[in-house]
Amino acid sequence: MRHNSGPTQPAGTDSNPSRILVVDDPMVCTAIEVYLERHDFQVTIADGGEAGLRAIEAGGFDLMIVDIFMPHMRGFESIRIFHERAPAIPLIAMSGYAFANLNSPAPDFLRMALELGATRCLRKPFTPAALLMVISECLAEVRSRPLVERM
């Protein structure tokens, strides 16, 4: 797990940058980290579910972005556990899983992630604009909640 302090400029209307945890393989995490830091987010990256869980236990995140298919602790298990440990933090599940046999019906992994506690889903590959839009939507929903629900 790697943490970067990120920029000191505010993200959105908050006095501090929004803190985002990204849980995926290192290449994807780094790409997302660079992009989000350019947009005034403070980003922590975790290589897999176990590292993500340690980061969540340390606390302080405003949003999580988690890949469904990761080595070791599976993304579905991670999503379920992250949601149980930090239910007030929005979780964006992402997946780029492709099926070898396109003729057979495919399970809807993103819908399954929503049922396990994800707030939103993104199908890989996604555009940077789509990532920013879903992050903004999730953070706006949190800000609109009464303070009691955010804890």
Protein backbone atom coordinates (compact mmCIF):
# COMPACT_ATOMS: atom_id res chain seq x y z
CA MET A 1 0.00 0.00 0.00
CA ARG A 2 1.25 3.46 -0.83
CA HIS A 3 -0.11 6.75 0.43
CA ASN A 4 0.50 10.09 -1.16
CA SER A 5 -0.37 13.27 0.63
CA GLY A 6 -1.67 14.75 -2.61
CA PRO A 7 -2.24 18.44 -3.24
CA THR A 8 -3.21 20.86 -0.54
CA GLN A 9 -5.85 22.61 -2.66
CA PRO A 10 -9.47 21.81 -1.84
CA ALA A 11 -11.45 19.36 -3.96
CA GLY A 12 -14.96 20.57 -4.64
CA THR A 13 -16.43 22.70 -1.89
CA ASP A 14 -14.71 21.01 1.03
CA SER A 15 -11.90 22.68 2.96
CA ASN A 16 -9.73 19.56 2.52
CA PRO A 17 -9.15 17.34 -0.49
CA SER A 18 -11.39 14.28 -0.66
CA ARG A 19 -9.48 11.15 0.36
CA ILE A 20 -9.90 8.22 -2.01
CA LEU A 21 -8.72 4.64 -1.55
CA VAL A 22 -8.07 2.75 -4.81
CA VAL A 23 -7.81 -1.05 -4.56
CA ASP A 24 -6.64 -2.80 -7.74
CA ASP A 25 -3.49 -4.09 -9.37
CA PRO A 26 -0.53 -1.66 -9.26
CA MET A 27 -0.69 -0.46 -12.88
CA VAL A 28 -4.37 0.45 -12.70
CA CYS A 29 -3.95 2.02 -9.25
CA THR A 30 -1.09 4.19 -10.45
CA ALA A 31 -2.99 5.42 -13.52
CA ILE A 32 -6.04 6.30 -11.43
CA GLU A 33 -3.85 7.86 -8.72
CA VAL A 34 -2.05 10.19 -11.17
CA TYR A 35 -5.31 11.27 -12.79
CA LEU A 36 -7.17 11.89 -9.53
CA GLU A 37 -4.29 13.79 -7.93
CA ARG A 38 -4.33 16.14 -10.93
CA HIS A 39 -7.95 16.82 -9.97
CA ASP A 40 -7.13 17.69 -6.36
CA PHE A 41 -7.93 14.39 -4.68
CA GLN A 42 -5.76 12.81 -2.01
CA VAL A 43 -5.20 9.20 -3.12
CA THR A 44 -4.07 6.07 -1.31
CA ILE A 45 -3.50 2.96 -3.37
CA ALA A 46 -3.64 -0.64 -2.19
CA ASP A 47 -2.50 -3.67 -4.15
CA GLY A 48 -5.29 -6.11 -3.37
CA GLY A 49 -7.97 -6.71 -0.79
CA GLU A 50 -5.76 -7.34 2.23
CA ALA A 51 -3.87 -4.06 1.77
CA GLY A 52 -7.17 -2.29 1.17
CA LEU A 53 -8.60 -3.72 4.37
CA ARG A 54 -5.59 -2.48 6.35
CA ALA A 55 -6.08 0.98 4.83
CA ILE A 56 -9.79 1.01 5.68
CA GLU A 57 -9.03 0.05 9.27
CA ALA A 58 -6.68 3.04 9.49
CA GLY A 59 -9.67 5.15 8.43
CA GLY A 60 -10.15 8.60 7.02
CA PHE A 61 -11.44 7.90 3.50
CA ASP A 62 -14.27 9.69 1.75
CA LEU A 63 -14.61 7.13 -1.06
CA MET A 64 -13.30 3.72 -2.16
CA ILE A 65 -12.72 2.42 -5.69
CA VAL A 66 -12.37 -1.37 -5.77
CA ASP A 67 -11.76 -3.81 -8.61
CA ILE A 68 -13.96 -6.91 -8.52
CA PHE A 69 -11.29 -9.30 -9.83
CA MET A 70 -8.03 -9.17 -7.87
CA PRO A 71 -5.49 -11.72 -6.72
CA HIS A 72 -5.69 -13.12 -3.17
CA MET A 73 -8.80 -11.71 -1.47
CA ARG A 74 -11.41 -11.58 -4.20
CA GLY A 75 -13.09 -8.32 -5.03
CA PHE A 76 -16.56 -9.55 -4.06
CA GLU A 77 -15.25 -10.56 -0.65
CA SER A 78 -13.42 -7.23 -0.36
CA ILE A 79 -16.53 -5.25 -1.29
CA ARG A 80 -18.64 -7.11 1.27
CA ILE A 81 -16.04 -6.64 4.03
CA PHE A 82 -15.29 -3.00 3.16
CA HIS A 83 -19.02 -2.22 3.21
CA GLU A 84 -19.44 -3.97 6.57
CA ARG A 85 -16.47 -2.15 8.13
CA ALA A 86 -17.22 1.28 6.64
CA PRO A 87 -20.87 1.39 5.51
CA ALA A 88 -20.99 5.20 5.28
CA ILE A 89 -18.13 5.39 2.77
CA PRO A 90 -19.30 5.15 -0.86
CA LEU A 91 -17.72 2.30 -2.78
CA ILE A 92 -17.30 2.26 -6.54
CA ALA A 93 -16.83 -1.27 -7.92
CA MET A 94 -15.13 -1.68 -11.26
CA SER A 95 -14.67 -4.63 -13.57
CA GLY A 96 -13.24 -5.31 -16.98
CA TYR A 97 -13.92 -9.03 -16.88
CA ALA A 98 -14.46 -10.47 -20.35
CA PHE A 99 -15.89 -13.87 -21.08
CA ALA A 100 -14.14 -16.30 -23.40
CA ASN A 101 -17.46 -17.75 -24.59
CA LEU A 102 -19.69 -14.89 -25.70
CA ASN A 103 -22.50 -17.32 -26.62
CA SER A 104 -23.19 -18.31 -23.01
CA PRO A 105 -25.13 -16.06 -20.64
CA ALA A 106 -22.78 -14.03 -18.48
CA PRO A 107 -23.38 -13.27 -14.83
CA ASP A 108 -23.77 -9.57 -14.14
CA PHE A 109 -20.80 -9.05 -11.83
CA LEU A 110 -21.41 -5.33 -11.44
CA ARG A 111 -25.00 -5.93 -10.30
CA MET A 112 -23.69 -8.50 -7.83
CA ALA A 113 -21.27 -5.88 -6.48
CA LEU A 114 -24.18 -3.48 -5.93
CA GLU A 115 -25.99 -6.17 -3.95
CA LEU A 116 -22.90 -6.58 -1.74
CA GLY A 117 -22.78 -2.88 -0.89
CA ALA A 118 -21.19 -1.00 -3.79
CA THR A 119 -22.68 2.45 -4.35
CA ARG A 120 -21.85 2.66 -8.06
CA CYS A 121 -20.15 0.54 -10.71
CA LEU A 122 -17.84 1.22 -13.62
CA ARG A 123 -17.14 -1.17 -16.47
CA LYS A 124 -13.51 -1.15 -17.64
CA PRO A 125 -12.31 0.41 -19.77
CA PHE A 126 -13.91 3.66 -18.67
CA THR A 127 -13.08 7.21 -19.60
CA PRO A 128 -11.45 9.62 -17.16
CA ALA A 129 -14.58 11.78 -17.45
CA ALA A 130 -16.79 8.83 -16.44
CA LEU A 131 -14.56 8.20 -13.40
CA LEU A 132 -14.76 11.83 -12.29
CA MET A 133 -18.52 11.89 -12.82
CA VAL A 134 -19.20 8.84 -10.67
CA ILE A 135 -16.83 10.09 -7.94
CA SER A 136 -18.58 13.48 -7.94
CA GLU A 137 -22.01 11.82 -7.72
CA CYS A 138 -20.96 9.65 -4.77
CA LEU A 139 -19.33 12.53 -2.87
CA ALA A 140 -22.35 14.79 -3.51
CA GLU A 141 -24.66 12.10 -2.10
CA VAL A 142 -22.54 11.85 1.05
CA ARG A 143 -22.53 15.63 1.50
CA SER A 144 -26.32 15.72 1.15
CA ARG A 145 -26.84 13.20 3.97
CA PRO A 146 -27.55 14.41 7.48
CA LEU A 147 -24.35 14.48 9.55
CA VAL A 148 -25.59 11.64 11.76
CA GLU A 149 -25.76 9.25 8.76
CA ARG A 150 -22.19 10.06 7.69
CA MET A 151 -20.68 8.63 10.87
